[in-house]
Amino acid sequence: MLLVRKHWNSTWGDRRQELVFVGGSEMDEQAIRDALDASLHGSAITGVSKAHAKLHDPFPAWGRAA
């Protein structure tokens, strides 16, 4: 519960996301990272392509309440 409180925002709540892979030493971490990176659409930093950036965003900007 302390981890949730540590990342809690009074406006947005808990927005923490984690992806966990459980396996043994035979797992190829770099191959997994490469596959996940290859699945990204748009900018690897923002995840948004130029076409998607032009779409209407129905959510309020970060730091402003709805």
Protein backbone atom coordinates (compact mmCIF):
# COMPACT_ATOMS: atom_id res chain seq x y z
CA MET A 1 0.00 0.00 0.00
CA LEU A 2 2.92 2.36 0.65
CA LEU A 3 4.03 2.06 -3.00
CA VAL A 4 0.57 3.19 -4.18
CA ARG A 5 0.59 6.14 -1.79
CA LYS A 6 4.10 7.10 -2.92
CA HIS A 7 2.92 7.47 -6.53
CA TRP A 8 -0.59 8.81 -5.81
CA ASN A 9 -1.62 12.14 -7.33
CA SER A 10 -4.61 13.93 -5.78
CA THR A 11 -5.95 14.89 -9.23
CA TRP A 12 -5.12 11.85 -11.34
CA GLY A 13 -4.92 9.02 -8.80
CA ASP A 14 -2.54 6.12 -9.41
CA ARG A 15 -1.12 6.26 -12.93
CA ARG A 16 1.79 3.92 -12.37
CA GLN A 17 2.11 1.11 -14.89
CA GLU A 18 4.54 -1.77 -14.89
CA LEU A 19 5.16 -4.63 -17.23
CA VAL A 20 6.75 -7.65 -15.56
CA PHE A 21 8.14 -10.77 -17.20
CA VAL A 22 8.71 -13.75 -14.96
CA GLY A 23 11.04 -16.43 -16.22
CA GLY A 24 14.38 -18.07 -15.89
CA SER A 25 17.87 -17.32 -17.11
CA GLU A 26 16.92 -18.60 -20.59
CA MET A 27 14.91 -15.43 -21.21
CA ASP A 28 16.60 -13.08 -23.67
CA GLU A 29 16.04 -9.62 -22.19
CA GLN A 30 17.43 -7.78 -25.21
CA ALA A 31 15.18 -9.73 -27.60
CA ILE A 32 12.16 -8.89 -25.46
CA ARG A 33 13.13 -5.19 -25.36
CA ASP A 34 13.71 -5.18 -29.13
CA ALA A 35 10.30 -6.77 -29.79
CA LEU A 36 8.54 -4.28 -27.52
CA ASP A 37 10.38 -1.34 -29.10
CA ALA A 38 9.46 -2.59 -32.58
CA SER A 39 5.78 -2.64 -31.60
CA LEU A 40 5.77 1.08 -30.76
CA HIS A 41 3.84 3.33 -33.13
CA GLY A 42 5.16 6.80 -33.75
CA SER A 43 7.87 8.38 -31.63
CA ALA A 44 9.75 6.04 -29.30
CA ILE A 45 9.73 8.88 -26.77
CA THR A 46 6.08 10.02 -26.96
CA GLY A 47 4.47 7.09 -28.76
CA VAL A 48 2.64 9.63 -30.95
CA SER A 49 2.98 9.93 -34.71
CA LYS A 50 2.49 13.25 -36.52
CA ALA A 51 -0.92 12.05 -37.75
CA HIS A 52 -2.03 11.05 -34.26
CA ALA A 53 -0.82 14.36 -32.81
CA LYS A 54 -3.44 16.15 -34.94
CA LEU A 55 -6.35 14.19 -33.43
CA HIS A 56 -8.58 15.79 -30.78
CA ASP A 57 -7.49 14.83 -27.26
CA PRO A 58 -10.58 14.46 -25.03
CA PHE A 59 -8.50 14.40 -21.83
CA PRO A 60 -7.31 17.46 -19.93
CA ALA A 61 -3.64 18.43 -20.08
CA TRP A 62 -1.39 17.11 -17.33
CA GLY A 63 -1.52 19.23 -14.21
CA ARG A 64 -4.98 20.67 -14.91
CA ALA A 65 -8.14 19.24 -13.48
CA ALA A 66 -11.03 18.52 -15.84
